C-alpha atoms as a PDB file:
ATOM      1  CA  MET A   1       8.922 -20.273  15.763  1.00  0.00           C
ATOM      2  CA  THR A   2       7.341 -17.442  13.820  1.00  0.00           C
ATOM      3  CA  SER A   3       6.409 -13.829  14.266  1.00  0.00           C
ATOM      4  CA  PRO A   4       2.916 -13.230  15.626  1.00  0.00           C
ATOM      5  CA  ASN A   5       2.359 -11.226  12.443  1.00  0.00           C
ATOM      6  CA  SER A   6       3.686 -13.764   9.955  1.00  0.00           C
ATOM      7  CA  ASP A   7       0.545 -15.856   9.483  1.00  0.00           C
ATOM      8  CA  ASN A   8      -1.031 -13.392   7.085  1.00  0.00           C
ATOM      9  CA  LEU A   9       1.963 -13.252   4.757  1.00  0.00           C
ATOM     10  CA  GLN A  10       1.043 -15.540   1.878  1.00  0.00           C
ATOM     11  CA  PRO A  11       3.183 -14.368  -1.039  1.00  0.00           C
ATOM     12  CA  GLU A  12       2.471 -15.326  -4.607  1.00  0.00           C
ATOM     13  CA  VAL A  13       6.173 -16.000  -5.163  1.00  0.00           C
ATOM     14  CA  LEU A  14       8.436 -17.640  -2.595  1.00  0.00           C
ATOM     15  CA  ASP A  15      11.952 -17.141  -3.881  1.00  0.00           C
ATOM     16  CA  SER A  16      13.943 -17.720  -0.710  1.00  0.00           C
ATOM     17  CA  PRO A  17      16.427 -20.582  -0.316  1.00  0.00           C
ATOM     18  CA  ALA A  18      15.742 -23.493   2.012  1.00  0.00           C
ATOM     19  CA  ARG A  19      13.786 -22.801   5.190  1.00  0.00           C
ATOM     20  CA  GLY A  20      16.996 -23.283   7.178  1.00  0.00           C
ATOM     21  CA  SER A  21      18.359 -20.027   5.801  1.00  0.00           C
ATOM     22  CA  SER A  22      18.880 -17.146   8.203  1.00  0.00           C
ATOM     23  CA  LEU A  23      17.257 -14.814   5.658  1.00  0.00           C
ATOM     24  CA  LEU A  24      14.008 -15.507   3.804  1.00  0.00           C
ATOM     25  CA  ARG A  25      12.784 -13.618   0.745  1.00  0.00           C
ATOM     26  CA  ASN A  26       9.195 -13.302  -0.450  1.00  0.00           C
ATOM     27  CA  THR A  27       8.041 -11.393  -3.531  1.00  0.00           C
ATOM     28  CA  ARG A  28       4.523 -10.196  -4.265  1.00  0.00           C
ATOM     29  CA  ASP A  29       3.311  -7.475  -6.639  1.00  0.00           C
ATOM     30  CA  GLY A  30       6.633  -5.668  -6.780  1.00  0.00           C
ATOM     31  CA  VAL A  31       7.092  -5.724  -2.990  1.00  0.00           C
ATOM     32  CA  VAL A  32       9.888  -7.867  -1.553  1.00  0.00           C
ATOM     33  CA  THR A  33       9.848  -8.947   2.089  1.00  0.00           C
ATOM     34  CA  LEU A  34      13.196  -9.906   3.580  1.00  0.00           C
ATOM     35  CA  THR A  35      12.647 -11.805   6.826  1.00  0.00           C
ATOM     36  CA  LEU A  36      15.381 -12.309   9.413  1.00  0.00           C
ATOM     37  CA  ASN A  37      15.143 -15.963  10.345  1.00  0.00           C
ATOM     38  CA  ARG A  38      17.170 -16.699  13.482  1.00  0.00           C
ATOM     39  CA  PRO A  39      14.164 -16.743  15.837  1.00  0.00           C
ATOM     40  CA  LEU A  40      15.792 -18.600  18.723  1.00  0.00           C
ATOM     41  CA  GLN A  41      18.591 -16.014  18.800  1.00  0.00           C
ATOM     42  CA  TYR A  42      16.208 -13.053  18.480  1.00  0.00           C
ATOM     43  CA  ASN A  43      17.643 -12.578  14.973  1.00  0.00           C
ATOM     44  CA  ALA A  44      21.054 -11.519  16.220  1.00  0.00           C
ATOM     45  CA  LEU A  45      23.275 -10.393  13.352  1.00  0.00           C
ATOM     46  CA  THR A  46      26.065 -12.804  12.548  1.00  0.00           C
ATOM     47  CA  ASN A  47      28.666 -12.277   9.842  1.00  0.00           C
ATOM     48  CA  GLY A  48      26.731 -14.811   7.760  1.00  0.00           C
ATOM     49  CA  LEU A  49      23.406 -13.003   8.144  1.00  0.00           C
ATOM     50  CA  ILE A  50      25.024  -9.648   7.334  1.00  0.00           C
ATOM     51  CA  THR A  51      26.488 -11.210   4.176  1.00  0.00           C
ATOM     52  CA  GLU A  52      23.081 -12.609   3.197  1.00  0.00           C
ATOM     53  CA  LEU A  53      21.438  -9.239   3.722  1.00  0.00           C
ATOM     54  CA  GLN A  54      24.122  -7.485   1.676  1.00  0.00           C
ATOM     55  CA  SER A  55      23.749  -9.940  -1.185  1.00  0.00           C
ATOM     56  CA  ALA A  56      19.959  -9.658  -1.155  1.00  0.00           C
ATOM     57  CA  LEU A  57      20.024  -5.848  -1.076  1.00  0.00           C
ATOM     58  CA  ASP A  58      22.565  -5.696  -3.913  1.00  0.00           C
ATOM     59  CA  ALA A  59      20.336  -7.925  -6.058  1.00  0.00           C
ATOM     60  CA  ILE A  60      17.225  -5.922  -5.182  1.00  0.00           C
ATOM     61  CA  GLY A  61      18.931  -2.639  -5.967  1.00  0.00           C
ATOM     62  CA  ALA A  62      19.677  -3.876  -9.489  1.00  0.00           C
ATOM     63  CA  ASP A  63      16.133  -5.156 -10.095  1.00  0.00           C
ATOM     64  CA  ARG A  64      13.812  -2.410 -11.329  1.00  0.00           C
ATOM     65  CA  ALA A  65      10.820  -4.766 -11.139  1.00  0.00           C
ATOM     66  CA  ILE A  66      11.043  -4.434  -7.362  1.00  0.00           C
ATOM     67  CA  LYS A  67       9.414  -1.255  -6.087  1.00  0.00           C
ATOM     68  CA  VAL A  68       9.456  -1.557  -2.286  1.00  0.00           C
ATOM     69  CA  VAL A  69      11.347  -3.614   0.300  1.00  0.00           C
ATOM     70  CA  VAL A  70       9.928  -4.681   3.674  1.00  0.00           C
ATOM     71  CA  LEU A  71      12.375  -5.813   6.355  1.00  0.00           C
ATOM     72  CA  ALA A  72      10.668  -8.145   8.831  1.00  0.00           C
ATOM     73  CA  ALA A  73      11.645 -10.890  11.271  1.00  0.00           C
ATOM     74  CA  ASN A  74      10.528 -14.245  12.609  1.00  0.00           C
ATOM     75  CA  GLY A  75      10.302 -15.169  16.268  1.00  0.00           C
ATOM     76  CA  PRO A  76       9.632 -13.141  19.410  1.00  0.00           C
ATOM     77  CA  GLY A  77      12.039 -10.303  18.577  1.00  0.00           C
ATOM     78  CA  PHE A  78      12.867  -8.148  15.555  1.00  0.00           C
ATOM     79  CA  CYS A  79      16.641  -8.046  16.061  1.00  0.00           C
ATOM     80  CA  SER A  80      18.737  -8.106  19.227  1.00  0.00           C
ATOM     81  CA  GLY A  81      21.839  -6.629  17.607  1.00  0.00           C
ATOM     82  CA  HIS A  82      25.133  -8.344  16.917  1.00  0.00           C
ATOM     83  CA  ASP A  83      25.668 -11.931  18.008  1.00  0.00           C
ATOM     84  CA  LEU A  84      27.819 -11.424  21.106  1.00  0.00           C
ATOM     85  CA  ARG A  85      29.020 -15.026  21.135  1.00  0.00           C
ATOM     86  CA  GLU A  86      30.435 -14.534  17.648  1.00  0.00           C
ATOM     87  CA  ILE A  87      32.035 -11.230  18.640  1.00  0.00           C
ATOM     88  CA  ARG A  88      33.577 -12.770  21.774  1.00  0.00           C
ATOM     89  CA  ALA A  89      35.114 -15.531  19.651  1.00  0.00           C
ATOM     90  CA  LEU A  90      36.823 -13.167  17.198  1.00  0.00           C
ATOM     91  CA  PRO A  91      40.613 -13.286  17.541  1.00  0.00           C
ATOM     92  CA  ASP A  92      41.511  -9.594  17.643  1.00  0.00           C
ATOM     93  CA  ARG A  93      40.457  -5.997  17.166  1.00  0.00           C
ATOM     94  CA  ALA A  94      41.128  -6.100  13.414  1.00  0.00           C
ATOM     95  CA  ALA A  95      38.620  -8.938  12.970  1.00  0.00           C
ATOM     96  CA  MET A  96      36.056  -7.084  15.049  1.00  0.00           C
ATOM     97  CA  GLU A  97      36.539  -3.882  13.072  1.00  0.00           C
ATOM     98  CA  ALA A  98      36.148  -5.804   9.807  1.00  0.00           C
ATOM     99  CA  LEU A  99      32.832  -7.212  11.054  1.00  0.00           C
ATOM    100  CA  PHE A 100      31.509  -3.771  12.016  1.00  0.00           C
ATOM    101  CA  LEU A 101      32.634  -2.282   8.707  1.00  0.00           C
ATOM    102  CA  GLU A 102      30.757  -4.988   6.793  1.00  0.00           C
ATOM    103  CA  CYS A 103      27.676  -4.326   8.882  1.00  0.00           C
ATOM    104  CA  SER A 104      28.021  -0.579   8.293  1.00  0.00           C
ATOM    105  CA  LYS A 105      28.228  -1.199   4.542  1.00  0.00           C
ATOM    106  CA  MET A 106      24.994  -3.199   4.695  1.00  0.00           C
ATOM    107  CA  MET A 107      23.277  -0.449   6.702  1.00  0.00           C
ATOM    108  CA  MET A 108      24.325   2.154   4.138  1.00  0.00           C
ATOM    109  CA  THR A 109      23.016  -0.046   1.338  1.00  0.00           C
ATOM    110  CA  LEU A 110      19.543   0.206   2.875  1.00  0.00           C
ATOM    111  CA  THR A 111      19.622   3.920   2.097  1.00  0.00           C
ATOM    112  CA  SER A 112      21.549   3.745  -1.180  1.00  0.00           C
ATOM    113  CA  ILE A 113      19.307   1.322  -3.096  1.00  0.00           C
ATOM    114  CA  ALA A 114      16.617   2.953  -5.223  1.00  0.00           C
ATOM    115  CA  GLN A 115      13.700   1.201  -3.536  1.00  0.00           C
ATOM    116  CA  PRO A 116      12.217   2.512  -0.276  1.00  0.00           C
ATOM    117  CA  VAL A 117      12.797   0.126   2.650  1.00  0.00           C
ATOM    118  CA  ILE A 118      10.154  -0.249   5.364  1.00  0.00           C
ATOM    119  CA  ALA A 119      11.078  -1.809   8.705  1.00  0.00           C
ATOM    120  CA  LYS A 120       8.262  -3.947  10.135  1.00  0.00           C
ATOM    121  CA  ILE A 121       8.954  -4.289  13.860  1.00  0.00           C
ATOM    122  CA  HIS A 122       6.908  -6.671  15.966  1.00  0.00           C
ATOM    123  CA  GLY A 123       9.236  -7.146  18.957  1.00  0.00           C
ATOM    124  CA  ILE A 124      12.423  -5.847  20.522  1.00  0.00           C
ATOM    125  CA  ALA A 125      14.972  -4.004  18.386  1.00  0.00           C
ATOM    126  CA  THR A 126      18.160  -3.443  20.347  1.00  0.00           C
ATOM    127  CA  ALA A 127      21.691  -2.250  19.542  1.00  0.00           C
ATOM    128  CA  ALA A 128      22.345  -3.031  15.854  1.00  0.00           C
ATOM    129  CA  GLY A 129      18.693  -4.081  15.657  1.00  0.00           C
ATOM    130  CA  CYS A 130      17.710  -0.534  16.589  1.00  0.00           C
ATOM    131  CA  GLN A 131      20.284   0.602  14.033  1.00  0.00           C
ATOM    132  CA  LEU A 132      18.495  -1.477  11.393  1.00  0.00           C
ATOM    133  CA  VAL A 133      15.241   0.309  12.203  1.00  0.00           C
ATOM    134  CA  ALA A 134      16.918   3.708  11.993  1.00  0.00           C
ATOM    135  CA  ALA A 135      18.673   2.827   8.729  1.00  0.00           C
ATOM    136  CA  CYS A 136      15.430   1.923   6.960  1.00  0.00           C
ATOM    137  CA  ASP A 137      13.599   4.700   5.130  1.00  0.00           C
ATOM    138  CA  LEU A 138      10.337   4.112   6.998  1.00  0.00           C
ATOM    139  CA  ALA A 139       9.396   2.101  10.073  1.00  0.00           C
ATOM    140  CA  VAL A 140       6.098   0.759  11.371  1.00  0.00           C
ATOM    141  CA  ALA A 141       5.968  -1.067  14.679  1.00  0.00           C
ATOM    142  CA  SER A 142       3.587  -3.021  16.814  1.00  0.00           C
ATOM    143  CA  THR A 143       2.672  -1.329  20.081  1.00  0.00           C
ATOM    144  CA  SER A 144       4.421  -4.278  21.752  1.00  0.00           C
ATOM    145  CA  ALA A 145       7.779  -3.397  20.156  1.00  0.00           C
ATOM    146  CA  LYS A 146      10.584  -1.918  22.241  1.00  0.00           C
ATOM    147  CA  PHE A 147      13.853  -0.232  21.325  1.00  0.00           C
ATOM    148  CA  SER A 148      17.206   0.389  22.975  1.00  0.00           C
ATOM    149  CA  THR A 149      20.911   0.933  22.389  1.00  0.00           C
ATOM    150  CA  PRO A 150      22.229  -0.877  25.469  1.00  0.00           C
ATOM    151  CA  GLY A 151      25.940  -1.110  24.672  1.00  0.00           C
ATOM    152  CA  VAL A 152      26.866   0.892  27.763  1.00  0.00           C
ATOM    153  CA  ASN A 153      25.433  -1.911  29.877  1.00  0.00           C
ATOM    154  CA  ILE A 154      28.160  -4.278  28.651  1.00  0.00           C
ATOM    155  CA  GLY A 155      31.009  -1.787  28.386  1.00  0.00           C
ATOM    156  CA  ALA A 156      30.798  -1.093  24.641  1.00  0.00           C
ATOM    157  CA  PHE A 157      29.102   2.180  23.643  1.00  0.00           C
ATOM    158  CA  CYS A 158      26.740   1.668  20.679  1.00  0.00           C
ATOM    159  CA  ALA A 159      28.908   3.756  18.359  1.00  0.00           C
ATOM    160  CA  THR A 160      27.780   2.261  15.043  1.00  0.00           C
ATOM    161  CA  PRO A 161      24.065   2.335  15.975  1.00  0.00           C
ATOM    162  CA  SER A 162      24.560   5.961  16.990  1.00  0.00           C
ATOM    163  CA  VAL A 163      25.312   6.930  13.374  1.00  0.00           C
ATOM    164  CA  ALA A 164      21.865   5.898  12.118  1.00  0.00           C
ATOM    165  CA  LEU A 165      20.085   6.868  15.334  1.00  0.00           C
ATOM    166  CA  ALA A 166      21.432  10.442  15.299  1.00  0.00           C
ATOM    167  CA  ARG A 167      20.245  10.855  11.719  1.00  0.00           C
ATOM    168  CA  ASN A 168      16.678  10.052  12.777  1.00  0.00           C
ATOM    169  CA  VAL A 169      16.140  11.713  16.142  1.00  0.00           C
ATOM    170  CA  SER A 170      17.460  14.843  17.839  1.00  0.00           C
ATOM    171  CA  ARG A 171      20.851  14.757  19.537  1.00  0.00           C
ATOM    172  CA  LYS A 172      19.458  14.832  23.043  1.00  0.00           C
ATOM    173  CA  HIS A 173      16.994  12.009  22.410  1.00  0.00           C
ATOM    174  CA  ALA A 174      19.717   9.967  20.713  1.00  0.00           C
ATOM    175  CA  LEU A 175      22.205  10.550  23.489  1.00  0.00           C
ATOM    176  CA  GLU A 176      19.661   9.698  26.171  1.00  0.00           C
ATOM    177  CA  MET A 177      19.172   6.295  24.555  1.00  0.00           C
ATOM    178  CA  LEU A 178      22.917   5.813  23.994  1.00  0.00           C
ATOM    179  CA  LEU A 179      24.109   6.983  27.409  1.00  0.00           C
ATOM    180  CA  THR A 180      21.498   5.212  29.528  1.00  0.00           C
ATOM    181  CA  GLY A 181      20.846   2.049  27.526  1.00  0.00           C
ATOM    182  CA  GLU A 182      17.237   2.225  28.685  1.00  0.00           C
ATOM    183  CA  MET A 183      14.464   0.580  26.690  1.00  0.00           C
ATOM    184  CA  ILE A 184      11.790   2.792  25.161  1.00  0.00           C
ATOM    185  CA  ASN A 185       8.353   1.664  24.050  1.00  0.00           C
ATOM    186  CA  ALA A 186       6.809   2.068  20.617  1.00  0.00           C
ATOM    187  CA  GLN A 187       4.850   5.196  21.519  1.00  0.00           C
ATOM    188  CA  ARG A 188       8.013   6.910  22.710  1.00  0.00           C
ATOM    189  CA  ALA A 189       9.758   5.809  19.515  1.00  0.00           C
ATOM    190  CA  VAL A 190       7.019   7.575  17.549  1.00  0.00           C
ATOM    191  CA  GLU A 191       7.347  10.713  19.676  1.00  0.00           C
ATOM    192  CA  ILE A 192      11.087  11.060  19.066  1.00  0.00           C
ATOM    193  CA  GLY A 193      10.872  10.171  15.371  1.00  0.00           C
ATOM    194  CA  LEU A 194      12.584   6.779  15.401  1.00  0.00           C
ATOM    195  CA  ILE A 195       9.540   5.146  13.778  1.00  0.00           C
ATOM    196  CA  ASN A 196       6.660   6.498  11.711  1.00  0.00           C
ATOM    197  CA  ARG A 197       3.818   4.945  13.680  1.00  0.00           C
ATOM    198  CA  ALA A 198       2.833   2.228  16.117  1.00  0.00           C
ATOM    199  CA  VAL A 199      -0.237   0.066  15.564  1.00  0.00           C
ATOM    200  CA  GLN A 200      -1.906  -2.744  17.447  1.00  0.00           C
ATOM    201  CA  PRO A 201      -0.160  -6.090  16.852  1.00  0.00           C
ATOM    202  CA  GLU A 202      -3.072  -7.485  14.854  1.00  0.00           C
ATOM    203  CA  ALA A 203      -2.971  -4.441  12.536  1.00  0.00           C
ATOM    204  CA  LEU A 204       0.766  -4.536  11.758  1.00  0.00           C
ATOM    205  CA  ASP A 205       0.542  -6.655   8.592  1.00  0.00           C
ATOM    206  CA  THR A 206      -2.309  -4.576   7.206  1.00  0.00           C
ATOM    207  CA  GLU A 207      -0.634  -1.244   7.863  1.00  0.00           C
ATOM    208  CA  VAL A 208       2.720  -2.273   6.391  1.00  0.00           C
ATOM    209  CA  ASP A 209       0.989  -3.737   3.333  1.00  0.00           C
ATOM    210  CA  ARG A 210      -1.019  -0.549   2.896  1.00  0.00           C
ATOM    211  CA  LEU A 211       2.071   1.633   3.064  1.00  0.00           C
ATOM    212  CA  ALA A 212       4.132  -0.608   0.778  1.00  0.00           C
ATOM    213  CA  ASN A 213       1.378  -0.862  -1.830  1.00  0.00           C
ATOM    214  CA  LEU A 214       0.748   2.880  -1.741  1.00  0.00           C
ATOM    215  CA  ILE A 215       4.411   3.610  -2.474  1.00  0.00           C
ATOM    216  CA  ALA A 216       4.540   0.853  -5.100  1.00  0.00           C
ATOM    217  CA  SER A 217       1.669   2.552  -6.947  1.00  0.00           C
ATOM    218  CA  LYS A 218       3.793   5.654  -7.595  1.00  0.00           C
ATOM    219  CA  SER A 219       6.308   6.284 -10.375  1.00  0.00           C
ATOM    220  CA  SER A 220       9.362   4.151  -9.582  1.00  0.00           C
ATOM    221  CA  PRO A 221      11.829   6.536 -11.300  1.00  0.00           C
ATOM    222  CA  ALA A 222      10.441   9.477  -9.306  1.00  0.00           C
ATOM    223  CA  ILE A 223      10.645   7.506  -6.058  1.00  0.00           C
ATOM    224  CA  ALA A 224      14.218   6.450  -6.849  1.00  0.00           C
ATOM    225  CA  SER A 225      15.422   9.954  -7.719  1.00  0.00           C
ATOM    226  CA  GLY A 226      13.631  11.388  -4.698  1.00  0.00           C
ATOM    227  CA  LYS A 227      15.189   8.919  -2.276  1.00  0.00           C
ATOM    228  CA  ARG A 228      18.652   9.532  -3.723  1.00  0.00           C
ATOM    229  CA  VAL A 229      18.369  13.318  -3.517  1.00  0.00           C
ATOM    230  CA  PHE A 230      16.873  13.209  -0.016  1.00  0.00           C
ATOM    231  CA  TYR A 231      19.883  11.446   1.486  1.00  0.00           C
ATOM    232  CA  GLN A 232      22.384  13.459  -0.561  1.00  0.00           C
ATOM    233  CA  HIS A 233      21.047  16.870   0.416  1.00  0.00           C
ATOM    234  CA  LEU A 234      21.034  15.996   4.113  1.00  0.00           C
ATOM    235  CA  GLU A 235      24.830  16.098   4.003  1.00  0.00           C
ATOM    236  CA  MET A 236      25.008  19.427   2.101  1.00  0.00           C
ATOM    237  CA  GLY A 237      24.793  23.098   2.873  1.00  0.00           C
ATOM    238  CA  LEU A 238      21.520  24.848   2.095  1.00  0.00           C
ATOM    239  CA  ALA A 239      22.524  26.467  -1.223  1.00  0.00           C
ATOM    240  CA  GLN A 240      24.155  23.290  -2.547  1.00  0.00           C
ATOM    241  CA  ALA A 241      21.107  21.254  -1.499  1.00  0.00           C
ATOM    242  CA  TYR A 242      18.789  23.506  -3.498  1.00  0.00           C
ATOM    243  CA  VAL A 243      21.017  23.237  -6.594  1.00  0.00           C
ATOM    244  CA  LEU A 244      20.926  19.453  -6.341  1.00  0.00           C
ATOM    245  CA  ALA A 245      17.150  19.400  -5.737  1.00  0.00           C
ATOM    246  CA  SER A 246      16.470  21.790  -8.624  1.00  0.00           C
ATOM    247  CA  HIS A 247      18.468  19.597 -10.989  1.00  0.00           C
ATOM    248  CA  SER A 248      16.620  16.516  -9.782  1.00  0.00           C
ATOM    249  CA  ILE A 249      13.066  17.831 -10.003  1.00  0.00           C
ATOM    250  CA  ALA A 250      13.707  19.295 -13.452  1.00  0.00           C
ATOM    251  CA  GLY A 251      14.888  15.861 -14.555  1.00  0.00           C
ATOM    252  CA  ASP A 252      11.711  14.308 -13.158  1.00  0.00           C
ATOM    253  CA  PHE A 253       9.449  16.719 -15.041  1.00  0.00           C
ATOM    254  CA  VAL A 254      11.106  16.050 -18.416  1.00  0.00           C
ATOM    255  CA  SER A 255      11.145  12.272 -17.906  1.00  0.00           C
ATOM    256  CA  ALA A 256       8.520   9.998 -19.470  1.00  0.00           C
ATOM    257  CA  ASP A 257       6.810   9.472 -16.129  1.00  0.00           C
ATOM    258  CA  GLY A 258       6.932  13.174 -15.311  1.00  0.00           C
ATOM    259  CA  GLN A 259       5.267  14.132 -18.561  1.00  0.00           C
ATOM    260  CA  GLU A 260       2.693  11.354 -18.171  1.00  0.00           C
ATOM    261  CA  GLY A 261       1.952  12.385 -14.606  1.00  0.00           C
ATOM    262  CA  VAL A 262       1.349  16.010 -15.508  1.00  0.00           C
ATOM    263  CA  ASP A 263      -0.807  15.060 -18.502  1.00  0.00           C
ATOM    264  CA  ALA A 264      -2.839  12.695 -16.322  1.00  0.00           C
ATOM    265  CA  PHE A 265      -3.351  15.380 -13.685  1.00  0.00           C
ATOM    266  CA  LEU A 266      -4.430  17.978 -16.233  1.00  0.00           C
ATOM    267  CA  THR A 267      -6.849  15.597 -17.937  1.00  0.00           C
ATOM    268  CA  LYS A 268      -8.127  14.183 -14.646  1.00  0.00           C
ATOM    269  CA  ARG A 269      -7.236  10.549 -15.270  1.00  0.00           C
ATOM    270  CA  ALA A 270      -5.051   7.956 -13.556  1.00  0.00           C
ATOM    271  CA  PRO A 271      -1.407   8.008 -14.698  1.00  0.00           C
ATOM    272  CA  ARG A 272       0.063   5.087 -16.633  1.00  0.00           C
ATOM    273  CA  TRP A 273       3.607   4.785 -15.367  1.00  0.00           C
ATOM    274  CA  SER A 274       6.381   3.475 -17.569  1.00  0.00           C
END
């Protein structure tokens, strides 16, 4: 079973393991697509899938040939959250907490790696699946996608998804989703800032490719420093944030790419990035 948007993905390099893997990896022109591949389970996050994602993100973060990451999924849904059967089978609270801490580490890695990560959402994204969307740097969804944090419906408030959600949308919008568990559609997700845009299902591949390729065409060192500073200054006071940002942008301007970019602008030619 495949995503309705997967047919157009024909990468030049297929570097994933066997098709039975719960995570597939495709590389093309500096853009890596990681595809959740548990379609019959709506790509629910198991401990194994979290480990695969962590390993893949660690490898990507160390590979400067990779410029952009796209997080996609096979099957009818993007991600339905944690695998509740696996959670129910865990022996005690300590085991459950260990699972959530590993998942939280993976979510933080999405923001800590140098490469921008774009979520490509074609179906439902609920609970930790909604958290995945919020943890990515950018998100583009099909108009058929839906989002929710429905933990309250089963007696377990979506506390870990709330961390990423509250860093994307305002408190009242976040709490409405968290306290009611209600599903919102893609247009509402755009309105509250959970995703960047919603497009018709047949346009999803094209729009994500356009965005990924546009970012990949920029200076990778500048993108990396910018992403790092962006997330760091969000946690700082105003004065400290400006000190950090001033240090960062000065470093960009004296770098090889910074000097090349300015020279290219002044001479009205395309830059040749290092």
